[in-house]
Amino acid sequence: MDISGDERDRRFRALYAAHFDGVLGYALRRCQRAEDAADVTAETFLVAWRRLAHVPVGDGERPWLYAVARRQLANHRRGDLRRRRLGERLRHDLSLVVPDFSDRVVQDAVVDAAMSRLSARDEEVLQLHLWEGLESREIAEVLGLPVSIVRPRLSRARARLRDLLGNDPPAAGHIQGKQPIPSREEER
């Protein structure tokens, strides 16, 4: 059944107006999240638009739309399952390739408090150096600055942090797995 553009548009609008709430309700009762139900509903009406010539007229419209929604819901669930399995596989593969640094990034509350008292610029270079393990050259690359600017900035930031920590290495509570902040004498 081939219908003209205006008739097709009119028919789809009527179908949508008459059955949108029913199809959305169908999907909402079967999905855990409203966003998923909205996706299933949108996909159902997309199929209806594409296959409008196959949509029965009259009493057959709603069952036809529910059948399409049922297939869209099954597709959605299969997609979720594939994404979940892929995520599990990637997490497993990454755990073999990239070690978990989360245990080493645990900070002492004293260091955290001292870092928060630094300027944003000092805090950024120290975080890149201490937490990410970057050297001055790499920090310069990240920040888009010359190394000749980053080296003294990092040195001054270390000195400010040591001053805030009171130059007491045990109280410094450096980040696990990282070296303590060197003293001025050690930097030379």
C-alpha atoms as a PDB file:
ATOM      1  CA  MET A   1       0.000   0.000   0.000  1.00  0.00           C
ATOM      2  CA  ASP A   2       1.722   3.161  -1.217  1.00  0.00           C
ATOM      3  CA  ILE A   3       0.425   6.430   0.248  1.00  0.00           C
ATOM      4  CA  SER A   4       1.265  10.031  -0.615  1.00  0.00           C
ATOM      5  CA  GLY A   5       3.505  12.205   1.563  1.00  0.00           C
ATOM      6  CA  ASP A   6       0.669  14.262   3.063  1.00  0.00           C
ATOM      7  CA  GLU A   7      -1.463  11.202   3.741  1.00  0.00           C
ATOM      8  CA  ARG A   8       1.548   9.394   5.242  1.00  0.00           C
ATOM      9  CA  ASP A   9       2.270  12.325   7.526  1.00  0.00           C
ATOM     10  CA  ARG A  10      -1.379  12.609   8.574  1.00  0.00           C
ATOM     11  CA  ARG A  11      -1.653   8.874   9.239  1.00  0.00           C
ATOM     12  CA  PHE A  12       1.505   8.764  11.319  1.00  0.00           C
ATOM     13  CA  ARG A  13       0.446  11.786  13.389  1.00  0.00           C
ATOM     14  CA  ALA A  14      -2.904  10.147  14.089  1.00  0.00           C
ATOM     15  CA  LEU A  15      -1.220   6.845  15.001  1.00  0.00           C
ATOM     16  CA  TYR A  16       1.236   8.628  17.290  1.00  0.00           C
ATOM     17  CA  ALA A  17      -1.463  10.737  18.985  1.00  0.00           C
ATOM     18  CA  ALA A  18      -3.729   7.748  19.527  1.00  0.00           C
ATOM     19  CA  HIS A  19      -1.144   5.288  20.842  1.00  0.00           C
ATOM     20  CA  PHE A  20       1.867   7.139  22.260  1.00  0.00           C
ATOM     21  CA  ASP A  21       0.609   6.966  25.866  1.00  0.00           C
ATOM     22  CA  GLY A  22      -0.207   3.271  25.546  1.00  0.00           C
ATOM     23  CA  VAL A  23       3.156   2.348  24.051  1.00  0.00           C
ATOM     24  CA  LEU A  24       5.017   4.450  26.626  1.00  0.00           C
ATOM     25  CA  GLY A  25       3.029   2.813  29.437  1.00  0.00           C
ATOM     26  CA  TYR A  26       3.811  -0.616  27.976  1.00  0.00           C
ATOM     27  CA  ALA A  27       7.516   0.230  27.978  1.00  0.00           C
ATOM     28  CA  LEU A  28       7.489   1.872  31.433  1.00  0.00           C
ATOM     29  CA  ARG A  29       5.970  -1.240  32.988  1.00  0.00           C
ATOM     30  CA  ARG A  30       8.750  -3.371  31.509  1.00  0.00           C
ATOM     31  CA  CYS A  31      11.827  -1.148  31.935  1.00  0.00           C
ATOM     32  CA  GLN A  32      13.642  -0.367  35.148  1.00  0.00           C
ATOM     33  CA  ARG A  33      14.490   3.173  34.052  1.00  0.00           C
ATOM     34  CA  ALA A  34      12.191   5.747  32.487  1.00  0.00           C
ATOM     35  CA  GLU A  35      14.977   6.704  30.045  1.00  0.00           C
ATOM     36  CA  ASP A  36      15.015   3.164  28.697  1.00  0.00           C
ATOM     37  CA  ALA A  37      11.238   3.189  28.284  1.00  0.00           C
ATOM     38  CA  ALA A  38      11.501   6.463  26.363  1.00  0.00           C
ATOM     39  CA  ASP A  39      14.119   4.891  24.076  1.00  0.00           C
ATOM     40  CA  VAL A  40      11.955   1.822  23.452  1.00  0.00           C
ATOM     41  CA  THR A  41       8.965   4.056  22.695  1.00  0.00           C
ATOM     42  CA  ALA A  42      10.947   6.237  20.305  1.00  0.00           C
ATOM     43  CA  GLU A  43      12.337   3.190  18.489  1.00  0.00           C
ATOM     44  CA  THR A  44       8.831   1.714  18.249  1.00  0.00           C
ATOM     45  CA  PHE A  45       7.470   4.804  16.546  1.00  0.00           C
ATOM     46  CA  LEU A  46      10.521   5.001  14.302  1.00  0.00           C
ATOM     47  CA  VAL A  47       9.731   1.486  13.076  1.00  0.00           C
ATOM     48  CA  ALA A  48       6.097   2.513  12.672  1.00  0.00           C
ATOM     49  CA  TRP A  49       7.150   5.491  10.533  1.00  0.00           C
ATOM     50  CA  ARG A  50       9.424   3.375   8.381  1.00  0.00           C
ATOM     51  CA  ARG A  51       6.872   0.589   7.980  1.00  0.00           C
ATOM     52  CA  LEU A  52       3.716   2.689   8.009  1.00  0.00           C
ATOM     53  CA  ALA A  53       2.318   0.806   5.036  1.00  0.00           C
ATOM     54  CA  HIS A  54       2.435  -2.395   7.139  1.00  0.00           C
ATOM     55  CA  VAL A  55       0.607  -0.933  10.147  1.00  0.00           C
ATOM     56  CA  PRO A  56      -2.918  -2.359  10.252  1.00  0.00           C
ATOM     57  CA  VAL A  57      -5.706   0.174  10.178  1.00  0.00           C
ATOM     58  CA  GLY A  58      -8.198   0.392  13.040  1.00  0.00           C
ATOM     59  CA  ASP A  59      -8.228  -2.078  15.929  1.00  0.00           C
ATOM     60  CA  GLY A  60      -5.015  -3.745  14.764  1.00  0.00           C
ATOM     61  CA  GLU A  61      -2.826  -0.660  15.308  1.00  0.00           C
ATOM     62  CA  ARG A  62      -2.250  -1.024  19.045  1.00  0.00           C
ATOM     63  CA  PRO A  63      -1.401  -4.752  19.039  1.00  0.00           C
ATOM     64  CA  TRP A  64       0.944  -4.163  16.086  1.00  0.00           C
ATOM     65  CA  LEU A  65       2.696  -1.334  17.982  1.00  0.00           C
ATOM     66  CA  TYR A  66       2.943  -3.474  21.141  1.00  0.00           C
ATOM     67  CA  ALA A  67       4.527  -6.260  19.108  1.00  0.00           C
ATOM     68  CA  VAL A  68       7.074  -3.788  17.732  1.00  0.00           C
ATOM     69  CA  ALA A  69       7.664  -2.398  21.244  1.00  0.00           C
ATOM     70  CA  ARG A  70       8.180  -5.950  22.511  1.00  0.00           C
ATOM     71  CA  ARG A  71      10.885  -6.547  19.900  1.00  0.00           C
ATOM     72  CA  GLN A  72      12.484  -3.181  20.651  1.00  0.00           C
ATOM     73  CA  LEU A  73      12.485  -4.036  24.354  1.00  0.00           C
ATOM     74  CA  ALA A  74      14.180  -7.370  23.574  1.00  0.00           C
ATOM     75  CA  ASN A  75      16.765  -5.538  21.437  1.00  0.00           C
ATOM     76  CA  HIS A  76      17.328  -3.067  24.241  1.00  0.00           C
ATOM     77  CA  ARG A  77      17.836  -5.863  26.791  1.00  0.00           C
ATOM     78  CA  ARG A  78      20.236  -7.708  24.484  1.00  0.00           C
ATOM     79  CA  GLY A  79      22.160  -4.474  23.977  1.00  0.00           C
ATOM     80  CA  ASP A  80      22.362  -3.937  27.744  1.00  0.00           C
ATOM     81  CA  LEU A  81      23.601  -7.488  28.208  1.00  0.00           C
ATOM     82  CA  ARG A  82      26.247  -7.024  25.476  1.00  0.00           C
ATOM     83  CA  ARG A  83      27.389  -3.725  27.016  1.00  0.00           C
ATOM     84  CA  ARG A  84      27.537  -5.258  30.499  1.00  0.00           C
ATOM     85  CA  ARG A  85      29.560  -8.255  29.245  1.00  0.00           C
ATOM     86  CA  LEU A  86      31.862  -5.992  27.271  1.00  0.00           C
ATOM     87  CA  GLY A  87      32.384  -3.815  30.342  1.00  0.00           C
ATOM     88  CA  GLU A  88      33.216  -6.875  32.447  1.00  0.00           C
ATOM     89  CA  ARG A  89      35.634  -8.146  29.815  1.00  0.00           C
ATOM     90  CA  LEU A  90      37.315  -4.737  29.504  1.00  0.00           C
ATOM     91  CA  ARG A  91      37.619  -4.404  33.291  1.00  0.00           C
ATOM     92  CA  HIS A  92      39.184  -7.855  33.430  1.00  0.00           C
ATOM     93  CA  ASP A  93      41.544  -7.148  30.522  1.00  0.00           C
ATOM     94  CA  LEU A  94      42.523  -3.767  31.972  1.00  0.00           C
ATOM     95  CA  SER A  95      43.231  -5.315  35.356  1.00  0.00           C
ATOM     96  CA  LEU A  96      45.786  -7.559  33.640  1.00  0.00           C
ATOM     97  CA  VAL A  97      47.410  -4.712  31.735  1.00  0.00           C
ATOM     98  CA  VAL A  98      47.032  -1.656  33.985  1.00  0.00           C
ATOM     99  CA  PRO A  99      47.729  -2.123  37.685  1.00  0.00           C
ATOM    100  CA  ASP A 100      45.196  -0.687  40.109  1.00  0.00           C
ATOM    101  CA  PHE A 101      46.733   2.446  41.594  1.00  0.00           C
ATOM    102  CA  SER A 102      43.728   3.279  43.749  1.00  0.00           C
ATOM    103  CA  ASP A 103      45.401   1.902  46.872  1.00  0.00           C
ATOM    104  CA  ARG A 104      48.471   4.045  46.215  1.00  0.00           C
ATOM    105  CA  VAL A 105      46.468   7.235  45.714  1.00  0.00           C
ATOM    106  CA  VAL A 106      45.141   7.243  49.260  1.00  0.00           C
ATOM    107  CA  GLN A 107      46.203  10.527  50.801  1.00  0.00           C
ATOM    108  CA  ASP A 108      46.903  11.422  54.359  1.00  0.00           C
ATOM    109  CA  ALA A 109      44.395  13.993  55.646  1.00  0.00           C
ATOM    110  CA  VAL A 110      47.238  16.319  56.630  1.00  0.00           C
ATOM    111  CA  VAL A 111      48.652  16.397  53.097  1.00  0.00           C
ATOM    112  CA  ASP A 112      45.177  16.820  51.629  1.00  0.00           C
ATOM    113  CA  ALA A 113      44.470  19.773  53.896  1.00  0.00           C
ATOM    114  CA  ALA A 114      47.838  21.345  53.087  1.00  0.00           C
ATOM    115  CA  MET A 115      47.360  20.849  49.340  1.00  0.00           C
ATOM    116  CA  SER A 116      43.987  22.581  49.518  1.00  0.00           C
ATOM    117  CA  ARG A 117      45.654  25.626  51.076  1.00  0.00           C
ATOM    118  CA  LEU A 118      48.023  26.015  48.101  1.00  0.00           C
ATOM    119  CA  SER A 119      47.213  28.124  45.071  1.00  0.00           C
ATOM    120  CA  ALA A 120      45.493  26.314  42.234  1.00  0.00           C
ATOM    121  CA  ARG A 121      48.681  26.598  40.165  1.00  0.00           C
ATOM    122  CA  ASP A 122      50.855  25.037  42.894  1.00  0.00           C
ATOM    123  CA  GLU A 123      48.302  22.349  43.582  1.00  0.00           C
ATOM    124  CA  GLU A 124      48.098  21.438  39.897  1.00  0.00           C
ATOM    125  CA  VAL A 125      51.845  20.986  39.390  1.00  0.00           C
ATOM    126  CA  LEU A 126      52.154  19.000  42.618  1.00  0.00           C
ATOM    127  CA  GLN A 127      49.240  16.759  41.709  1.00  0.00           C
ATOM    128  CA  LEU A 128      50.734  16.087  38.286  1.00  0.00           C
ATOM    129  CA  HIS A 129      54.097  15.340  39.868  1.00  0.00           C
ATOM    130  CA  LEU A 130      53.099  13.425  43.002  1.00  0.00           C
ATOM    131  CA  TRP A 131      49.843  11.764  42.014  1.00  0.00           C
ATOM    132  CA  GLU A 132      50.391  11.169  38.325  1.00  0.00           C
ATOM    133  CA  GLY A 133      54.138  10.568  38.604  1.00  0.00           C
ATOM    134  CA  LEU A 134      55.058  13.066  35.878  1.00  0.00           C
ATOM    135  CA  GLU A 135      58.442  14.747  35.623  1.00  0.00           C
ATOM    136  CA  SER A 136      58.915  18.453  34.878  1.00  0.00           C
ATOM    137  CA  ARG A 137      59.203  17.853  31.142  1.00  0.00           C
ATOM    138  CA  GLU A 138      55.924  15.909  31.092  1.00  0.00           C
ATOM    139  CA  ILE A 139      54.165  18.448  33.306  1.00  0.00           C
ATOM    140  CA  ALA A 140      55.286  21.171  30.908  1.00  0.00           C
ATOM    141  CA  GLU A 141      53.742  19.227  28.051  1.00  0.00           C
ATOM    142  CA  VAL A 142      50.436  18.760  29.913  1.00  0.00           C
ATOM    143  CA  LEU A 143      50.238  22.437  30.863  1.00  0.00           C
ATOM    144  CA  GLY A 144      51.497  23.721  27.531  1.00  0.00           C
ATOM    145  CA  LEU A 145      54.328  25.619  29.189  1.00  0.00           C
ATOM    146  CA  PRO A 146      58.080  25.638  28.693  1.00  0.00           C
ATOM    147  CA  VAL A 147      60.077  23.360  31.009  1.00  0.00           C
ATOM    148  CA  SER A 148      62.011  26.440  32.131  1.00  0.00           C
ATOM    149  CA  ILE A 149      58.761  27.733  33.707  1.00  0.00           C
ATOM    150  CA  VAL A 150      57.605  24.421  35.171  1.00  0.00           C
ATOM    151  CA  ARG A 151      60.825  23.417  36.994  1.00  0.00           C
ATOM    152  CA  PRO A 152      60.965  26.470  39.263  1.00  0.00           C
ATOM    153  CA  ARG A 153      57.167  26.418  39.704  1.00  0.00           C
ATOM    154  CA  LEU A 154      57.369  22.808  40.879  1.00  0.00           C
ATOM    155  CA  SER A 155      60.277  23.590  43.180  1.00  0.00           C
ATOM    156  CA  ARG A 156      58.444  26.540  44.746  1.00  0.00           C
ATOM    157  CA  ALA A 157      55.243  24.485  45.104  1.00  0.00           C
ATOM    158  CA  ARG A 158      57.195  21.751  46.923  1.00  0.00           C
ATOM    159  CA  ALA A 159      58.723  24.326  49.235  1.00  0.00           C
ATOM    160  CA  ARG A 160      55.313  25.867  50.014  1.00  0.00           C
ATOM    161  CA  LEU A 161      53.850  22.448  50.736  1.00  0.00           C
ATOM    162  CA  ARG A 162      56.776  21.553  53.016  1.00  0.00           C
ATOM    163  CA  ASP A 163      56.235  24.845  54.856  1.00  0.00           C
ATOM    164  CA  LEU A 164      52.545  24.089  55.290  1.00  0.00           C
ATOM    165  CA  LEU A 165      53.390  20.622  56.571  1.00  0.00           C
ATOM    166  CA  GLY A 166      55.918  22.066  59.003  1.00  0.00           C
ATOM    167  CA  ASN A 167      58.953  20.294  57.458  1.00  0.00           C
ATOM    168  CA  ASP A 168      58.128  17.267  59.598  1.00  0.00           C
ATOM    169  CA  PRO A 169      58.515  14.195  57.334  1.00  0.00           C
ATOM    170  CA  PRO A 170      56.466  11.816  59.532  1.00  0.00           C
ATOM    171  CA  ALA A 171      53.621  14.362  59.689  1.00  0.00           C
ATOM    172  CA  ALA A 172      53.925  14.954  55.960  1.00  0.00           C
ATOM    173  CA  GLY A 173      52.073  11.734  55.320  1.00  0.00           C
ATOM    174  CA  HIS A 174      53.112  11.474  51.691  1.00  0.00           C
ATOM    175  CA  ILE A 175      50.975   9.587  49.217  1.00  0.00           C
ATOM    176  CA  GLN A 176      51.458   5.835  49.479  1.00  0.00           C
ATOM    177  CA  GLY A 177      53.731   4.482  46.794  1.00  0.00           C
ATOM    178  CA  LYS A 178      55.215   7.919  46.048  1.00  0.00           C
ATOM    179  CA  GLN A 179      58.399   9.375  47.373  1.00  0.00           C
ATOM    180  CA  PRO A 180      58.134  11.933  50.170  1.00  0.00           C
ATOM    181  CA  ILE A 181      58.578  15.535  49.157  1.00  0.00           C
ATOM    182  CA  PRO A 182      62.336  16.096  49.133  1.00  0.00           C
ATOM    183  CA  SER A 183      63.811  18.762  51.341  1.00  0.00           C
ATOM    184  CA  ARG A 184      65.555  21.765  49.816  1.00  0.00           C
ATOM    185  CA  GLU A 185      68.937  20.123  50.469  1.00  0.00           C
ATOM    186  CA  GLU A 186      67.861  16.900  48.718  1.00  0.00           C
ATOM    187  CA  GLU A 187      66.705  18.822  45.631  1.00  0.00           C
ATOM    188  CA  ARG A 188      70.215  20.087  45.013  1.00  0.00           C
END
